[in-house]
Amino acid sequence: MSAKKTALACSICGSRNYTARAGETTRAERLEVKKFCKYCNKHTLHRETK
């Protein structure tokens, strides 16, 4: 079984800058990571999108 890819979107501007592998287990909450957004030009919170 392969893990599904999900996009990480910036919480400020909404651009989808990164991809991440989602685990096979079902999670109640979405993945949240602080990453650099090249459009905001700063580190912002990125959330997993569908």
PDB file of N, CA and C in Angstrom:
ATOM      1  N   MET A   1       0.834  -1.190   0.000  1.00  0.00           N
ATOM      2  CA  MET A   1       0.000   0.000   0.000  1.00  0.00           C
ATOM      3  C   MET A   1       0.875   1.249   0.000  1.00  0.00           C
ATOM      4  N   SER A   2       0.504   2.198  -0.804  1.00  0.00           N
ATOM      5  CA  SER A   2       1.262   3.443  -0.846  1.00  0.00           C
ATOM      6  C   SER A   2       0.500   4.534  -0.103  1.00  0.00           C
ATOM      7  N   ALA A   3       1.251   5.444   0.466  1.00  0.00           N
ATOM      8  CA  ALA A   3       0.642   6.559   1.194  1.00  0.00           C
ATOM      9  C   ALA A   3       0.146   7.594   0.195  1.00  0.00           C
ATOM     10  N   LYS A   4      -0.943   8.254   0.528  1.00  0.00           N
ATOM     11  CA  LYS A   4      -1.495   9.287  -0.349  1.00  0.00           C
ATOM     12  C   LYS A   4      -0.764  10.601  -0.145  1.00  0.00           C
ATOM     13  N   LYS A   5      -0.648  11.373  -1.213  1.00  0.00           N
ATOM     14  CA  LYS A   5      -0.044  12.697  -1.121  1.00  0.00           C
ATOM     15  C   LYS A   5      -1.130  13.719  -0.843  1.00  0.00           C
ATOM     16  N   THR A   6      -0.840  14.640   0.060  1.00  0.00           N
ATOM     17  CA  THR A   6      -1.760  15.728   0.347  1.00  0.00           C
ATOM     18  C   THR A   6      -1.006  17.046   0.227  1.00  0.00           C
ATOM     19  N   ALA A   7      -1.713  18.099  -0.083  1.00  0.00           N
ATOM     20  CA  ALA A   7      -1.103  19.415  -0.232  1.00  0.00           C
ATOM     21  C   ALA A   7      -1.149  20.154   1.098  1.00  0.00           C
ATOM     22  N   LEU A   8      -0.136  20.980   1.330  1.00  0.00           N
ATOM     23  CA  LEU A   8      -0.109  21.847   2.507  1.00  0.00           C
ATOM     24  C   LEU A   8      -0.317  23.272   2.028  1.00  0.00           C
ATOM     25  N   ALA A   9      -1.358  23.924   2.530  1.00  0.00           N
ATOM     26  CA  ALA A   9      -1.704  25.280   2.108  1.00  0.00           C
ATOM     27  C   ALA A   9      -1.374  26.272   3.219  1.00  0.00           C
ATOM     28  N   CYS A  10      -0.905  27.438   2.818  1.00  0.00           N
ATOM     29  CA  CYS A  10      -0.593  28.516   3.753  1.00  0.00           C
ATOM     30  C   CYS A  10      -1.888  29.011   4.390  1.00  0.00           C
ATOM     31  N   SER A  11      -1.865  29.218   5.696  1.00  0.00           N
ATOM     32  CA  SER A  11      -3.073  29.669   6.391  1.00  0.00           C
ATOM     33  C   SER A  11      -3.340  31.157   6.169  1.00  0.00           C
ATOM     34  N   ILE A  12      -2.322  31.914   5.712  1.00  0.00           N
ATOM     35  CA  ILE A  12      -2.481  33.352   5.486  1.00  0.00           C
ATOM     36  C   ILE A  12      -3.014  33.625   4.067  1.00  0.00           C
ATOM     37  N   CYS A  13      -2.251  33.194   3.055  1.00  0.00           N
ATOM     38  CA  CYS A  13      -2.628  33.522   1.675  1.00  0.00           C
ATOM     39  C   CYS A  13      -3.370  32.391   0.969  1.00  0.00           C
ATOM     40  N   GLY A  14      -3.289  31.159   1.483  1.00  0.00           N
ATOM     41  CA  GLY A  14      -4.033  30.046   0.898  1.00  0.00           C
ATOM     42  C   GLY A  14      -3.334  29.323  -0.237  1.00  0.00           C
ATOM     43  N   SER A  15      -2.110  29.721  -0.583  1.00  0.00           N
ATOM     44  CA  SER A  15      -1.408  29.054  -1.679  1.00  0.00           C
ATOM     45  C   SER A  15      -0.906  27.689  -1.222  1.00  0.00           C
ATOM     46  N   ARG A  16      -0.957  26.729  -2.134  1.00  0.00           N
ATOM     47  CA  ARG A  16      -0.520  25.366  -1.834  1.00  0.00           C
ATOM     48  C   ARG A  16       0.932  25.221  -2.236  1.00  0.00           C
ATOM     49  N   ASN A  17       1.833  25.286  -1.249  1.00  0.00           N
ATOM     50  CA  ASN A  17       3.264  25.349  -1.509  1.00  0.00           C
ATOM     51  C   ASN A  17       3.975  24.013  -1.365  1.00  0.00           C
ATOM     52  N   TYR A  18       3.480  23.113  -0.535  1.00  0.00           N
ATOM     53  CA  TYR A  18       4.192  21.885  -0.210  1.00  0.00           C
ATOM     54  C   TYR A  18       3.282  20.680  -0.356  1.00  0.00           C
ATOM     55  N   THR A  19       3.905  19.496  -0.510  1.00  0.00           N
ATOM     56  CA  THR A  19       3.171  18.242  -0.480  1.00  0.00           C
ATOM     57  C   THR A  19       3.724  17.393   0.651  1.00  0.00           C
ATOM     58  N   ALA A  20       2.857  16.555   1.215  1.00  0.00           N
ATOM     59  CA  ALA A  20       3.255  15.674   2.304  1.00  0.00           C
ATOM     60  C   ALA A  20       2.578  14.335   2.106  1.00  0.00           C
ATOM     61  N   ARG A  21       3.177  13.311   2.652  1.00  0.00           N
ATOM     62  CA  ARG A  21       2.581  11.986   2.578  1.00  0.00           C
ATOM     63  C   ARG A  21       1.687  11.766   3.793  1.00  0.00           C
ATOM     64  N   ALA A  22       0.445  11.421   3.536  1.00  0.00           N
ATOM     65  CA  ALA A  22      -0.502  11.157   4.617  1.00  0.00           C
ATOM     66  C   ALA A  22      -0.401   9.684   4.993  1.00  0.00           C
ATOM     67  N   GLY A  23      -0.407   9.406   6.273  1.00  0.00           N
ATOM     68  CA  GLY A  23      -0.334   8.027   6.742  1.00  0.00           C
ATOM     69  C   GLY A  23      -1.639   7.284   6.466  1.00  0.00           C
ATOM     70  N   GLU A  24      -1.595   5.978   6.567  1.00  0.00           N
ATOM     71  CA  GLU A  24      -2.776   5.156   6.312  1.00  0.00           C
ATOM     72  C   GLU A  24      -3.791   5.237   7.451  1.00  0.00           C
ATOM     73  N   THR A  25      -3.333   5.667   8.624  1.00  0.00           N
ATOM     74  CA  THR A  25      -4.260   5.764   9.747  1.00  0.00           C
ATOM     75  C   THR A  25      -5.143   6.998   9.586  1.00  0.00           C
ATOM     76  N   THR A  26      -6.355   6.910  10.031  1.00  0.00           N
ATOM     77  CA  THR A  26      -7.260   8.052   9.936  1.00  0.00           C
ATOM     78  C   THR A  26      -7.040   8.955  11.135  1.00  0.00           C
ATOM     79  N   ARG A  27      -6.903  10.239  10.858  1.00  0.00           N
ATOM     80  CA  ARG A  27      -6.690  11.224  11.910  1.00  0.00           C
ATOM     81  C   ARG A  27      -7.924  12.095  12.030  1.00  0.00           C
ATOM     82  N   ALA A  28      -8.212  12.530  13.238  1.00  0.00           N
ATOM     83  CA  ALA A  28      -9.344  13.428  13.456  1.00  0.00           C
ATOM     84  C   ALA A  28      -8.979  14.847  13.036  1.00  0.00           C
ATOM     85  N   GLU A  29      -7.734  15.262  13.277  1.00  0.00           N
ATOM     86  CA  GLU A  29      -7.315  16.620  12.938  1.00  0.00           C
ATOM     87  C   GLU A  29      -6.366  16.580  11.744  1.00  0.00           C
ATOM     88  N   ARG A  30      -6.211  17.712  11.097  1.00  0.00           N
ATOM     89  CA  ARG A  30      -5.335  17.823   9.937  1.00  0.00           C
ATOM     90  C   ARG A  30      -3.919  18.171  10.367  1.00  0.00           C
ATOM     91  N   LEU A  31      -2.963  17.832   9.529  1.00  0.00           N
ATOM     92  CA  LEU A  31      -1.561  18.106   9.784  1.00  0.00           C
ATOM     93  C   LEU A  31      -1.307  19.610   9.717  1.00  0.00           C
ATOM     94  N   GLU A  32      -0.585  20.143  10.704  1.00  0.00           N
ATOM     95  CA  GLU A  32      -0.239  21.570  10.744  1.00  0.00           C
ATOM     96  C   GLU A  32       1.254  21.690  10.990  1.00  0.00           C
ATOM     97  N   VAL A  33       1.946  22.400  10.087  1.00  0.00           N
ATOM     98  CA  VAL A  33       3.394  22.548  10.160  1.00  0.00           C
ATOM     99  C   VAL A  33       3.760  23.997   9.855  1.00  0.00           C
ATOM    100  N   LYS A  34       4.751  24.532  10.560  1.00  0.00           N
ATOM    101  CA  LYS A  34       5.251  25.872  10.239  1.00  0.00           C
ATOM    102  C   LYS A  34       6.278  25.735   9.126  1.00  0.00           C
ATOM    103  N   LYS A  35       6.012  26.388   7.978  1.00  0.00           N
ATOM    104  CA  LYS A  35       6.888  26.335   6.813  1.00  0.00           C
ATOM    105  C   LYS A  35       7.054  27.731   6.246  1.00  0.00           C
ATOM    106  N   PHE A  36       8.049  27.896   5.377  1.00  0.00           N
ATOM    107  CA  PHE A  36       8.272  29.186   4.732  1.00  0.00           C
ATOM    108  C   PHE A  36       7.363  29.309   3.518  1.00  0.00           C
ATOM    109  N   CYS A  37       6.624  30.416   3.438  1.00  0.00           N
ATOM    110  CA  CYS A  37       5.763  30.710   2.292  1.00  0.00           C
ATOM    111  C   CYS A  37       6.469  31.740   1.423  1.00  0.00           C
ATOM    112  N   LYS A  38       6.724  31.384   0.158  1.00  0.00           N
ATOM    113  CA  LYS A  38       7.446  32.308  -0.727  1.00  0.00           C
ATOM    114  C   LYS A  38       6.581  33.475  -1.175  1.00  0.00           C
ATOM    115  N   TYR A  39       5.264  33.363  -1.038  1.00  0.00           N
ATOM    116  CA  TYR A  39       4.369  34.455  -1.412  1.00  0.00           C
ATOM    117  C   TYR A  39       4.210  35.464  -0.271  1.00  0.00           C
ATOM    118  N   CYS A  40       4.156  34.980   0.963  1.00  0.00           N
ATOM    119  CA  CYS A  40       4.088  35.862   2.135  1.00  0.00           C
ATOM    120  C   CYS A  40       5.479  36.341   2.552  1.00  0.00           C
ATOM    121  N   ASN A  41       6.515  35.614   2.105  1.00  0.00           N
ATOM    122  CA  ASN A  41       7.914  35.911   2.398  1.00  0.00           C
ATOM    123  C   ASN A  41       8.221  35.816   3.893  1.00  0.00           C
ATOM    124  N   LYS A  42       7.590  34.849   4.574  1.00  0.00           N
ATOM    125  CA  LYS A  42       7.855  34.599   5.987  1.00  0.00           C
ATOM    126  C   LYS A  42       7.388  33.201   6.359  1.00  0.00           C
ATOM    127  N   HIS A  43       7.745  32.759   7.555  1.00  0.00           N
ATOM    128  CA  HIS A  43       7.301  31.463   8.042  1.00  0.00           C
ATOM    129  C   HIS A  43       5.864  31.577   8.546  1.00  0.00           C
ATOM    130  N   THR A  44       4.994  30.713   8.030  1.00  0.00           N
ATOM    131  CA  THR A  44       3.590  30.722   8.421  1.00  0.00           C
ATOM    132  C   THR A  44       3.127  29.303   8.692  1.00  0.00           C
ATOM    133  N   LEU A  45       1.972  29.172   9.275  1.00  0.00           N
ATOM    134  CA  LEU A  45       1.380  27.879   9.538  1.00  0.00           C
ATOM    135  C   LEU A  45       0.766  27.336   8.255  1.00  0.00           C
ATOM    136  N   HIS A  46       1.148  26.114   7.875  1.00  0.00           N
ATOM    137  CA  HIS A  46       0.604  25.445   6.701  1.00  0.00           C
ATOM    138  C   HIS A  46      -0.250  24.281   7.170  1.00  0.00           C
ATOM    139  N   ARG A  47      -1.450  24.167   6.612  1.00  0.00           N
ATOM    140  CA  ARG A  47      -2.388  23.115   6.991  1.00  0.00           C
ATOM    141  C   ARG A  47      -2.638  22.161   5.838  1.00  0.00           C
ATOM    142  N   GLU A  48      -2.924  20.916   6.193  1.00  0.00           N
ATOM    143  CA  GLU A  48      -3.224  19.883   5.203  1.00  0.00           C
ATOM    144  C   GLU A  48      -4.574  20.188   4.551  1.00  0.00           C
ATOM    145  N   THR A  49      -4.623  20.048   3.222  1.00  0.00           N
ATOM    146  CA  THR A  49      -5.874  20.257   2.489  1.00  0.00           C
ATOM    147  C   THR A  49      -6.356  18.935   1.939  1.00  0.00           C
ATOM    148  N   LYS A  50      -7.565  18.898   1.460  1.00  0.00           N
ATOM    149  CA  LYS A  50      -8.114  17.668   0.889  1.00  0.00           C
ATOM    150  C   LYS A  50      -7.665  17.470  -0.523  1.00  0.00           C
TER     151      LYS A  50
END
